[in-house]
């Protein structure tokens, strides 16, 4: 067996030292030495790079058998969508999010439902078994089959998992887990990296699917080493306001499916409930038309969603007018206002511009350009736009309106929710519009402005 040896590596230059020091002796950086483990081969053993060792098996890509990855449902349609169609055996999923956003709640709901048909294990390092049981009772979840363990030592956790042989296991959270082979405190870079590596190795060997709960920093990134996200198969982020009712689960990495999938959940007194038709939630608008409000069709993962974009344009008393966006790119707003002045002849250099996407959705695609411009113009002129109007399209620097992907699906979603008019790029205009929907195709910003206020 290879023997593990403690070393201290510099995170700046990679140099290793047998003892910790405040300054790296190679590059001179301060407080960069991190404890790590180095596997040393026993005496007499031939290394992998030696001529006497076994050679790795090589195959061409044509010889590798390609089969559909077997999946099983988590009993939540929105979670299955974000995972790419279900959970894969031996996969490791990392879930991050702000405190109180619902990470532990959705995992407890998922495991209680999975445990009714498959063996499951819930490992918590932050709460007691009584706290987990109280939450399950409050959420009225089935509790007779899910096994719960309170433990923070990774060696004990893996030994118990080998004995119980669960199909799905949750570690809540990875920052509380430690390995006895390291002397540093739990939550450190070395402890998180080594504990995650042992869990990933166990998952691949046993076929157990593992959920890891990860803390986030004040900037919103996952705490711990960045290598943690590279080690796992899937990285999910919970988004939303802790005091709001909506929660958005977004996939930013998925080796078994598409990224940028979005799952929508509603927080209730009985836990997180999936929202199968998010467009209906985001389109809860006022009965009367108000200036500065317009609906656009955004594309999230594999489905379209209708969201409301609101704008408020007001006279500025500052030397530098404010440009504030929530859910949209602020730099893109400044660029589009310049295009509006140059090609639309409408200056906003003395106006404060505030933009918001209702429901807390983040829209980063360029299809929001035309809707953003429509909301700004509606607020600036104090003229409300019709309730049944849909707008989407990309605007270039020369004032042209460019097509966006999946235009047909966006129009079908709008027609399904009763919209009557749609202003879209000419490249997205269908040969036959959906029933009841009038499609107005434009190629220039000037044409779009004329169509908005005709």
Protein backbone atom coordinates (compact mmCIF):
# COMPACT_ATOMS: atom_id res chain seq x y z
CA UNK A 1 0.00 0.00 0.00
CA UNK A 2 1.19 3.52 -0.77
CA UNK A 3 1.89 5.62 2.31
CA UNK A 4 0.50 9.14 2.56
CA UNK A 5 2.96 11.84 3.59
CA UNK A 6 2.01 15.33 4.75
CA UNK A 7 3.50 18.18 2.79
CA UNK A 8 2.81 21.90 2.47
CA UNK A 9 2.38 23.30 -1.03
CA UNK A 10 2.42 26.91 -2.17
CA UNK A 11 -0.76 27.96 -3.92
CA UNK A 12 1.16 30.56 -5.96
CA UNK A 13 4.17 28.68 -7.37
CA UNK A 14 3.43 25.04 -6.44
CA UNK A 15 6.61 24.47 -4.43
CA UNK A 16 6.35 21.91 -1.60
CA UNK A 17 7.93 21.96 1.85
CA UNK A 18 8.01 19.45 4.72
CA UNK A 19 6.99 22.09 7.30
CA UNK A 20 4.64 25.04 7.33
CA UNK A 21 6.04 28.54 7.12
CA UNK A 22 4.53 31.97 6.86
CA UNK A 23 6.45 32.78 3.66
CA UNK A 24 7.16 30.58 0.64
CA UNK A 25 10.90 30.05 0.27
CA UNK A 26 10.67 29.90 -3.54
CA UNK A 27 8.45 32.78 -4.65
CA UNK A 28 8.39 34.81 -1.44
CA UNK A 29 4.57 34.95 -1.19
CA UNK A 30 3.08 35.19 2.30
CA UNK A 31 0.44 32.84 3.80
CA UNK A 32 0.23 30.62 0.73
CA UNK A 33 1.38 27.26 2.16
CA UNK A 34 -1.49 24.75 2.37
CA UNK A 35 -1.39 21.30 3.87
CA UNK A 36 -1.69 18.45 1.39
CA UNK A 37 -1.09 14.72 1.11
CA UNK A 38 1.49 13.12 -1.17
CA UNK A 39 1.30 9.44 -2.04
CA UNK A 40 4.71 7.77 -1.83
CA UNK A 41 5.17 4.37 -3.43
CA UNK A 42 6.54 1.58 -1.14
CA UNK A 43 10.10 0.39 -1.62
CA UNK A 44 10.56 -2.20 -4.32
CA UNK A 45 7.40 -1.23 -6.20
CA UNK A 46 7.74 -0.27 -9.81
CA UNK A 47 6.32 3.15 -10.72
CA UNK A 48 3.72 3.75 -13.35
CA UNK A 49 6.32 5.41 -15.52
CA UNK A 50 8.65 2.40 -15.35
CA UNK A 51 9.12 -0.07 -18.19
CA UNK A 52 8.14 -3.06 -16.05
CA UNK A 53 4.66 -1.80 -15.09
CA UNK A 54 1.43 -2.75 -16.83
CA UNK A 55 0.54 -0.54 -19.75
CA UNK A 56 -2.80 1.25 -19.91
CA UNK A 57 -5.40 -0.18 -22.27
CA UNK A 58 -5.82 1.94 -25.39
CA UNK A 59 -8.85 2.11 -27.65
CA UNK A 60 -9.93 4.23 -30.56
CA UNK A 61 -13.10 6.26 -30.20
CA UNK A 62 -14.85 3.95 -32.66
CA UNK A 63 -14.13 0.94 -30.43
CA UNK A 64 -15.61 2.52 -27.31
CA UNK A 65 -19.20 1.36 -26.74
CA UNK A 66 -21.60 4.28 -26.43
CA UNK A 67 -24.76 3.50 -24.49
CA UNK A 68 -27.44 5.65 -22.98
CA UNK A 69 -26.52 6.60 -19.43
CA UNK A 70 -29.01 4.89 -17.08
CA UNK A 71 -30.89 7.38 -14.91
CA UNK A 72 -33.49 7.19 -12.19
CA UNK A 73 -35.98 9.87 -11.19
CA UNK A 74 -35.68 11.96 -8.06
CA UNK A 75 -39.49 12.27 -7.86
CA UNK A 76 -39.16 16.00 -8.70
CA UNK A 77 -39.69 17.00 -12.31
CA UNK A 78 -37.85 20.31 -11.98
CA UNK A 79 -34.83 18.71 -10.27
CA UNK A 80 -34.75 15.98 -12.93
CA UNK A 81 -34.79 18.67 -15.62
CA UNK A 82 -31.80 20.48 -14.10
CA UNK A 83 -29.89 17.19 -13.70
CA UNK A 84 -30.44 16.39 -17.38
CA UNK A 85 -33.27 13.87 -17.07
CA UNK A 86 -32.60 12.21 -13.73
CA UNK A 87 -29.85 11.06 -11.41
CA UNK A 88 -26.97 8.93 -12.73
CA UNK A 89 -25.43 6.11 -10.69
CA UNK A 90 -22.01 7.08 -9.36
CA UNK A 91 -22.47 10.78 -10.07
CA UNK A 92 -21.43 13.50 -7.61
CA UNK A 93 -23.64 16.61 -7.51
CA UNK A 94 -22.56 19.80 -5.72
CA UNK A 95 -25.34 22.20 -4.63
CA UNK A 96 -24.46 25.73 -3.49
CA UNK A 97 -26.50 28.71 -2.41
CA UNK A 98 -27.00 31.38 0.21
CA UNK A 99 -27.89 30.39 3.79
CA UNK A 100 -31.60 29.69 4.20
CA UNK A 101 -32.24 29.43 0.46
CA UNK A 102 -33.51 25.82 0.70
CA UNK A 103 -30.57 23.50 -0.04
CA UNK A 104 -31.15 21.15 2.89
CA UNK A 105 -34.92 21.31 2.42
CA UNK A 106 -34.94 20.15 -1.21
CA UNK A 107 -32.40 17.39 -0.52
CA UNK A 108 -34.38 16.09 2.47
CA UNK A 109 -37.54 16.09 0.36
CA UNK A 110 -35.74 14.29 -2.45
CA UNK A 111 -34.19 11.61 -0.24
CA UNK A 112 -37.40 10.93 1.67
CA UNK A 113 -39.15 10.25 -1.64
CA UNK A 114 -36.28 8.20 -3.11
CA UNK A 115 -36.01 6.13 0.10
CA UNK A 116 -39.50 4.75 -0.54
CA UNK A 117 -38.12 2.70 -3.44
CA UNK A 118 -34.31 2.77 -3.09
CA UNK A 119 -31.90 2.68 -0.11
CA UNK A 120 -30.79 6.21 0.85
CA UNK A 121 -28.58 7.78 3.52
CA UNK A 122 -28.62 11.36 4.82
CA UNK A 123 -25.36 12.43 6.51
CA UNK A 124 -25.43 15.74 8.34
CA UNK A 125 -22.50 17.47 9.97
CA UNK A 126 -24.33 20.67 10.90
CA UNK A 127 -27.55 19.44 12.51
CA UNK A 128 -28.55 16.72 14.92
CA UNK A 129 -30.76 13.80 13.99
CA UNK A 130 -33.58 15.38 16.00
CA UNK A 131 -33.40 18.58 13.93
CA UNK A 132 -33.59 16.63 10.68
CA UNK A 133 -36.53 14.57 11.97
CA UNK A 134 -38.36 17.73 13.11
CA UNK A 135 -37.98 19.28 9.66
CA UNK A 136 -39.26 16.10 7.98
CA UNK A 137 -42.33 16.05 10.24
CA UNK A 138 -42.99 19.74 9.65
CA UNK A 139 -42.85 19.16 5.89
CA UNK A 140 -45.05 16.03 6.25
CA UNK A 141 -42.54 13.82 4.46
CA UNK A 142 -42.43 10.00 4.59
CA UNK A 143 -39.90 9.16 7.31
CA UNK A 144 -40.05 5.40 7.77
CA UNK A 145 -37.29 4.40 5.31
CA UNK A 146 -34.68 7.19 5.20
CA UNK A 147 -31.62 6.56 7.38
CA UNK A 148 -29.93 9.56 9.01
CA UNK A 149 -26.43 9.81 10.48
CA UNK A 150 -24.67 12.68 12.25
CA UNK A 151 -20.95 12.41 11.50
CA UNK A 152 -18.10 14.61 10.27
CA UNK A 153 -15.22 12.10 9.89
CA UNK A 154 -14.98 11.04 6.25
CA UNK A 155 -13.41 7.68 7.06
CA UNK A 156 -16.37 6.79 9.33
CA UNK A 157 -18.88 8.01 6.74
CA UNK A 158 -17.40 5.91 3.94
CA UNK A 159 -17.10 2.83 6.18
CA UNK A 160 -20.79 3.16 7.11
CA UNK A 161 -21.78 3.71 3.48
CA UNK A 162 -19.91 0.56 2.40
CA UNK A 163 -21.88 -1.39 4.98
CA UNK A 164 -25.30 0.16 4.27
CA UNK A 165 -24.81 0.33 0.46
CA UNK A 166 -27.14 3.27 -0.24
CA UNK A 167 -28.17 4.12 -3.79
CA UNK A 168 -28.20 7.85 -2.98
CA UNK A 169 -26.33 9.70 -0.24
CA UNK A 170 -26.34 13.35 0.91
CA UNK A 171 -23.41 15.07 2.65
CA UNK A 172 -24.58 18.24 4.41
CA UNK A 173 -22.20 19.96 4.18
CA UNK A 174 -18.78 19.29 2.66
CA UNK A 175 -17.23 22.17 4.66
CA UNK A 176 -17.91 20.31 7.95
CA UNK A 177 -16.26 17.05 6.86
CA UNK A 178 -12.65 16.26 7.78
CA UNK A 179 -10.16 13.44 7.24
CA UNK A 180 -7.97 12.09 10.04
CA UNK A 181 -4.96 12.07 7.73
CA UNK A 182 -4.70 15.88 7.92
CA UNK A 183 -4.12 18.04 10.96
CA UNK A 184 -5.85 21.20 9.71
CA UNK A 185 -9.33 22.21 10.89
CA UNK A 186 -12.51 21.25 8.99
CA UNK A 187 -13.45 23.72 6.29
CA UNK A 188 -9.87 24.40 5.24
CA UNK A 189 -8.71 24.09 1.67
CA UNK A 190 -6.84 20.83 2.25
CA UNK A 191 -9.67 19.21 4.26
CA UNK A 192 -12.36 20.10 1.70
CA UNK A 193 -10.21 18.90 -1.22
CA UNK A 194 -9.17 15.58 0.34
CA UNK A 195 -12.62 14.80 1.74
CA UNK A 196 -14.26 15.49 -1.62
CA UNK A 197 -11.65 13.36 -3.40
CA UNK A 198 -12.42 10.40 -1.11
CA UNK A 199 -16.16 10.81 -1.70
CA UNK A 200 -15.74 11.03 -5.48
CA UNK A 201 -13.58 7.90 -5.44
CA UNK A 202 -16.16 6.06 -3.34
CA UNK A 203 -19.00 7.13 -5.66
CA UNK A 204 -17.22 5.86 -8.77
CA UNK A 205 -16.28 2.55 -7.16
CA UNK A 206 -19.63 1.78 -5.54
CA UNK A 207 -22.05 3.42 -7.99
CA UNK A 208 -23.62 5.49 -5.23
CA UNK A 209 -24.98 8.88 -6.33
CA UNK A 210 -23.85 11.58 -3.89
CA UNK A 211 -25.19 15.07 -3.24
CA UNK A 212 -22.73 17.51 -1.65
CA UNK A 213 -24.00 20.71 -0.03
CA UNK A 214 -21.50 23.56 -0.39
CA UNK A 215 -21.36 26.87 1.47
CA UNK A 216 -20.90 30.09 -0.48
CA UNK A 217 -18.80 33.16 0.25
CA UNK A 218 -20.15 36.69 0.57
CA UNK A 219 -19.41 37.18 -3.14
CA UNK A 220 -21.72 34.26 -3.97
CA UNK A 221 -19.01 31.78 -5.07
CA UNK A 222 -18.65 28.32 -3.56
CA UNK A 223 -16.37 28.36 -0.53
CA UNK A 224 -13.24 26.24 -0.55
CA UNK A 225 -10.83 25.38 -3.35
CA UNK A 226 -11.90 25.92 -6.94
CA UNK A 227 -10.78 22.36 -7.68
CA UNK A 228 -13.91 21.19 -5.83
CA UNK A 229 -16.06 22.22 -8.78
CA UNK A 230 -13.71 20.43 -11.19
CA UNK A 231 -13.85 17.16 -9.22
CA UNK A 232 -17.63 16.75 -9.18
CA UNK A 233 -19.85 15.84 -12.13
CA UNK A 234 -22.58 18.46 -11.68
CA UNK A 235 -22.65 21.89 -10.05
CA UNK A 236 -26.03 23.42 -9.16
CA UNK A 237 -26.70 26.88 -7.73
CA UNK A 238 -29.77 27.95 -5.77
CA UNK A 239 -30.82 31.51 -6.56
CA UNK A 240 -33.51 33.78 -5.20
CA UNK A 241 -34.25 36.01 -2.24
CA UNK A 242 -34.47 34.23 1.10
CA UNK A 243 -37.62 36.21 1.95
CA UNK A 244 -39.22 35.64 -1.47
CA UNK A 245 -41.43 32.77 -2.55
CA UNK A 246 -39.56 31.71 -5.67
CA UNK A 247 -36.35 29.66 -5.82
CA UNK A 248 -34.37 29.07 -9.02
CA UNK A 249 -32.09 26.05 -9.34
CA UNK A 250 -29.55 26.55 -12.13
CA UNK A 251 -27.01 24.05 -13.53
CA UNK A 252 -23.64 25.61 -14.34
CA UNK A 253 -21.81 22.32 -14.97
CA UNK A 254 -23.21 18.94 -15.95
CA UNK A 255 -21.25 16.05 -17.42
CA UNK A 256 -24.46 14.10 -18.03
CA UNK A 257 -26.65 16.79 -19.56
CA UNK A 258 -27.01 20.35 -20.79
CA UNK A 259 -25.87 23.32 -18.74
CA UNK A 260 -27.88 26.49 -18.02
CA UNK A 261 -30.98 24.43 -17.29
CA UNK A 262 -33.31 26.16 -14.87
CA UNK A 263 -35.65 24.62 -12.33
CA UNK A 264 -38.30 26.80 -10.68
CA UNK A 265 -39.61 26.07 -7.19
CA UNK A 266 -42.00 27.83 -4.88
CA UNK A 267 -41.27 27.98 -1.13
CA UNK A 268 -44.31 27.07 0.96
CA UNK A 269 -44.94 25.99 4.56
CA UNK A 270 -44.68 22.42 3.28
CA UNK A 271 -41.28 22.88 1.66
CA UNK A 272 -40.32 23.48 -1.94
CA UNK A 273 -43.00 22.82 -4.56
CA UNK A 274 -42.05 22.58 -8.21
CA UNK A 275 -43.50 25.11 -10.64
CA UNK A 276 -44.29 23.33 -13.89
CA UNK A 277 -45.42 26.51 -15.70
CA UNK A 278 -43.07 29.31 -14.56
CA UNK A 279 -44.29 31.74 -17.22
CA UNK A 280 -47.65 31.97 -15.46
CA UNK A 281 -45.89 32.89 -12.20
CA UNK A 282 -43.66 35.55 -13.74
CA UNK A 283 -46.54 37.16 -15.64
CA UNK A 284 -48.60 38.19 -12.60
CA UNK A 285 -49.09 41.77 -13.76
CA UNK A 286 -51.30 44.70 -12.88
CA UNK A 287 -54.79 44.73 -14.38
CA UNK A 288 -54.21 48.09 -16.08
CA UNK A 289 -51.39 48.77 -18.51
CA UNK A 290 -48.67 50.94 -17.00
CA UNK A 291 -45.75 52.69 -18.71
CA UNK A 292 -42.37 50.98 -18.64
CA UNK A 293 -43.59 47.37 -18.63
CA UNK A 294 -43.19 44.81 -21.42
CA UNK A 295 -43.05 41.02 -21.69
CA UNK A 296 -40.18 39.17 -23.39
CA UNK A 297 -39.49 35.50 -24.12
CA UNK A 298 -36.18 34.29 -22.71
CA UNK A 299 -34.63 30.89 -23.32
CA UNK A 300 -33.51 28.92 -20.26
CA UNK A 301 -31.85 25.58 -20.92
CA UNK A 302 -34.32 23.66 -23.05
CA UNK A 303 -37.50 25.71 -22.66
CA UNK A 304 -38.78 29.25 -23.20
CA UNK A 305 -40.01 31.41 -20.35
CA UNK A 306 -42.03 34.60 -20.48
CA UNK A 307 -40.82 37.27 -18.05
CA UNK A 308 -41.76 40.91 -17.47
CA UNK A 309 -39.15 43.63 -17.91
CA UNK A 310 -39.81 46.91 -16.10
CA UNK A 311 -38.08 50.25 -16.68
CA UNK A 312 -38.19 53.57 -14.87
CA UNK A 313 -36.72 56.63 -16.62
CA UNK A 314 -36.65 59.86 -14.65
CA UNK A 315 -34.88 63.21 -14.84
CA UNK A 316 -31.49 63.05 -13.15
CA UNK A 317 -30.14 65.74 -10.83
CA UNK A 318 -26.66 64.20 -10.76
CA UNK A 319 -23.65 64.99 -12.91
CA UNK A 320 -23.50 61.33 -13.89
CA UNK A 321 -27.00 59.84 -14.33
CA UNK A 322 -27.55 56.46 -12.69
CA UNK A 323 -27.79 53.21 -14.66
CA UNK A 324 -29.14 50.47 -12.38
CA UNK A 325 -30.13 46.96 -13.50
CA UNK A 326 -31.50 43.96 -11.58
CA UNK A 327 -31.40 40.71 -13.55
CA UNK A 328 -29.82 42.33 -16.64
CA UNK A 329 -26.31 43.29 -17.74
CA UNK A 330 -25.56 46.88 -16.72
CA UNK A 331 -22.82 47.34 -19.33
CA UNK A 332 -25.20 46.23 -22.06
CA UNK A 333 -27.74 48.80 -20.90
CA UNK A 334 -25.19 51.60 -21.36
CA UNK A 335 -24.40 50.34 -24.85
CA UNK A 336 -28.06 50.12 -25.87
CA UNK A 337 -28.78 53.64 -24.62
CA UNK A 338 -25.96 54.87 -26.85
CA UNK A 339 -27.49 52.99 -29.80
CA UNK A 340 -30.88 54.53 -28.97
CA UNK A 341 -29.36 58.01 -29.12
CA UNK A 342 -27.36 57.43 -32.29
CA UNK A 343 -29.90 55.53 -34.40
CA UNK A 344 -33.17 56.48 -32.71
CA UNK A 345 -32.43 60.14 -32.08
CA UNK A 346 -33.55 59.90 -28.43
CA UNK A 347 -31.00 61.14 -25.84
CA UNK A 348 -30.97 59.85 -22.26
CA UNK A 349 -27.79 61.57 -21.04
CA UNK A 350 -29.79 63.57 -18.49
CA UNK A 351 -32.04 60.70 -17.35
CA UNK A 352 -31.70 58.08 -14.59
CA UNK A 353 -32.52 54.62 -15.98
CA UNK A 354 -33.60 51.77 -13.69
CA UNK A 355 -34.34 48.28 -15.05
CA UNK A 356 -35.72 45.21 -13.31
CA UNK A 357 -36.73 41.67 -14.30
CA UNK A 358 -39.78 40.65 -12.27
CA UNK A 359 -39.46 37.51 -10.17
CA UNK A 360 -35.71 37.62 -9.59
CA UNK A 361 -34.81 35.95 -12.90
CA UNK A 362 -31.40 36.74 -14.36
CA UNK A 363 -31.56 37.31 -18.11
CA UNK A 364 -28.09 37.39 -19.64
CA UNK A 365 -28.87 36.55 -23.26
CA UNK A 366 -28.94 39.19 -26.00
CA UNK A 367 -32.59 38.45 -26.85
CA UNK A 368 -33.53 40.93 -24.10
CA UNK A 369 -32.17 43.93 -26.05
CA UNK A 370 -35.36 44.83 -27.89
CA UNK A 371 -37.54 44.32 -24.80
CA UNK A 372 -35.16 46.48 -22.76
CA UNK A 373 -35.37 49.23 -25.36
CA UNK A 374 -39.17 48.98 -25.50
CA UNK A 375 -39.50 49.31 -21.71
CA UNK A 376 -37.17 52.32 -21.64
CA UNK A 377 -39.08 54.07 -24.43
CA UNK A 378 -42.44 53.32 -22.79
CA UNK A 379 -41.32 54.89 -19.51
CA UNK A 380 -39.58 57.82 -21.19
CA UNK A 381 -42.66 58.75 -23.23
CA UNK A 382 -45.06 57.76 -20.42
CA UNK A 383 -47.01 55.60 -22.84
CA UNK A 384 -48.08 52.13 -21.71
CA UNK A 385 -47.63 49.19 -24.06
CA UNK A 386 -50.45 46.68 -24.68
CA UNK A 387 -50.85 43.79 -22.26
CA UNK A 388 -50.87 41.26 -25.10
CA UNK A 389 -47.58 42.43 -26.68
CA UNK A 390 -44.42 40.28 -26.72
CA UNK A 391 -40.99 41.62 -27.71
CA UNK A 392 -37.61 39.93 -28.18
CA UNK A 393 -34.53 40.40 -30.38
CA UNK A 394 -30.88 41.41 -30.36
CA UNK A 395 -29.79 44.94 -31.31
CA UNK A 396 -26.43 45.59 -32.92
CA UNK A 397 -24.27 48.69 -32.66
CA UNK A 398 -25.33 49.85 -36.10
CA UNK A 399 -29.01 49.74 -35.14
CA UNK A 400 -29.91 46.46 -36.85
CA UNK A 401 -32.22 43.93 -35.18
CA UNK A 402 -30.63 40.48 -35.25
CA UNK A 403 -32.38 37.10 -34.89
CA UNK A 404 -31.97 34.96 -31.78
CA UNK A 405 -32.00 31.15 -31.33
CA UNK A 406 -35.23 29.17 -30.86
CA UNK A 407 -37.52 31.92 -32.14
CA UNK A 408 -40.33 29.50 -33.12
CA UNK A 409 -40.53 28.01 -29.63
CA UNK A 410 -40.67 31.47 -28.04
CA UNK A 411 -43.60 32.46 -30.26
CA UNK A 412 -45.46 29.22 -29.46
CA UNK A 413 -45.05 29.87 -25.74
CA UNK A 414 -46.45 33.38 -26.21
CA UNK A 415 -49.43 32.13 -28.19
CA UNK A 416 -50.13 29.52 -25.49
CA UNK A 417 -50.45 32.29 -22.89
CA UNK A 418 -52.82 34.40 -24.98
CA UNK A 419 -50.53 37.05 -26.50
CA UNK A 420 -51.90 38.69 -29.64
CA UNK A 421 -48.93 40.67 -31.05
CA UNK A 422 -45.19 39.99 -31.21
CA UNK A 423 -42.41 42.28 -32.45
CA UNK A 424 -39.50 40.04 -33.45
CA UNK A 425 -36.44 40.13 -35.76
CA UNK A 426 -37.16 39.37 -39.38
CA UNK A 427 -34.94 36.28 -39.18
CA UNK A 428 -37.25 34.82 -36.50
CA UNK A 429 -40.49 35.53 -38.37
CA UNK A 430 -42.22 32.18 -39.07
CA UNK A 431 -43.71 31.25 -42.43
CA UNK A 432 -46.98 30.59 -40.64
CA UNK A 433 -47.61 32.41 -37.36
CA UNK A 434 -49.23 30.54 -34.43
CA UNK A 435 -52.99 30.82 -34.29
CA UNK A 436 -54.17 34.12 -32.86
CA UNK A 437 -50.71 35.74 -32.86
CA UNK A 438 -49.80 38.63 -35.17
CA UNK A 439 -46.05 38.66 -35.82
CA UNK A 440 -44.43 41.97 -36.79
CA UNK A 441 -40.96 41.44 -38.28
CA UNK A 442 -38.43 44.30 -38.08
CA UNK A 443 -34.88 44.71 -39.31
CA UNK A 444 -33.94 48.13 -37.86
CA UNK A 445 -34.35 49.86 -34.53
CA UNK A 446 -36.35 52.63 -36.19
CA UNK A 447 -38.90 50.11 -37.47
CA UNK A 448 -39.22 48.56 -34.01
CA UNK A 449 -39.89 51.95 -32.40
CA UNK A 450 -42.54 52.76 -35.01
CA UNK A 451 -44.21 49.37 -34.42
CA UNK A 452 -44.24 49.90 -30.66
CA UNK A 453 -46.03 53.24 -30.73
CA UNK A 454 -48.04 53.11 -33.94
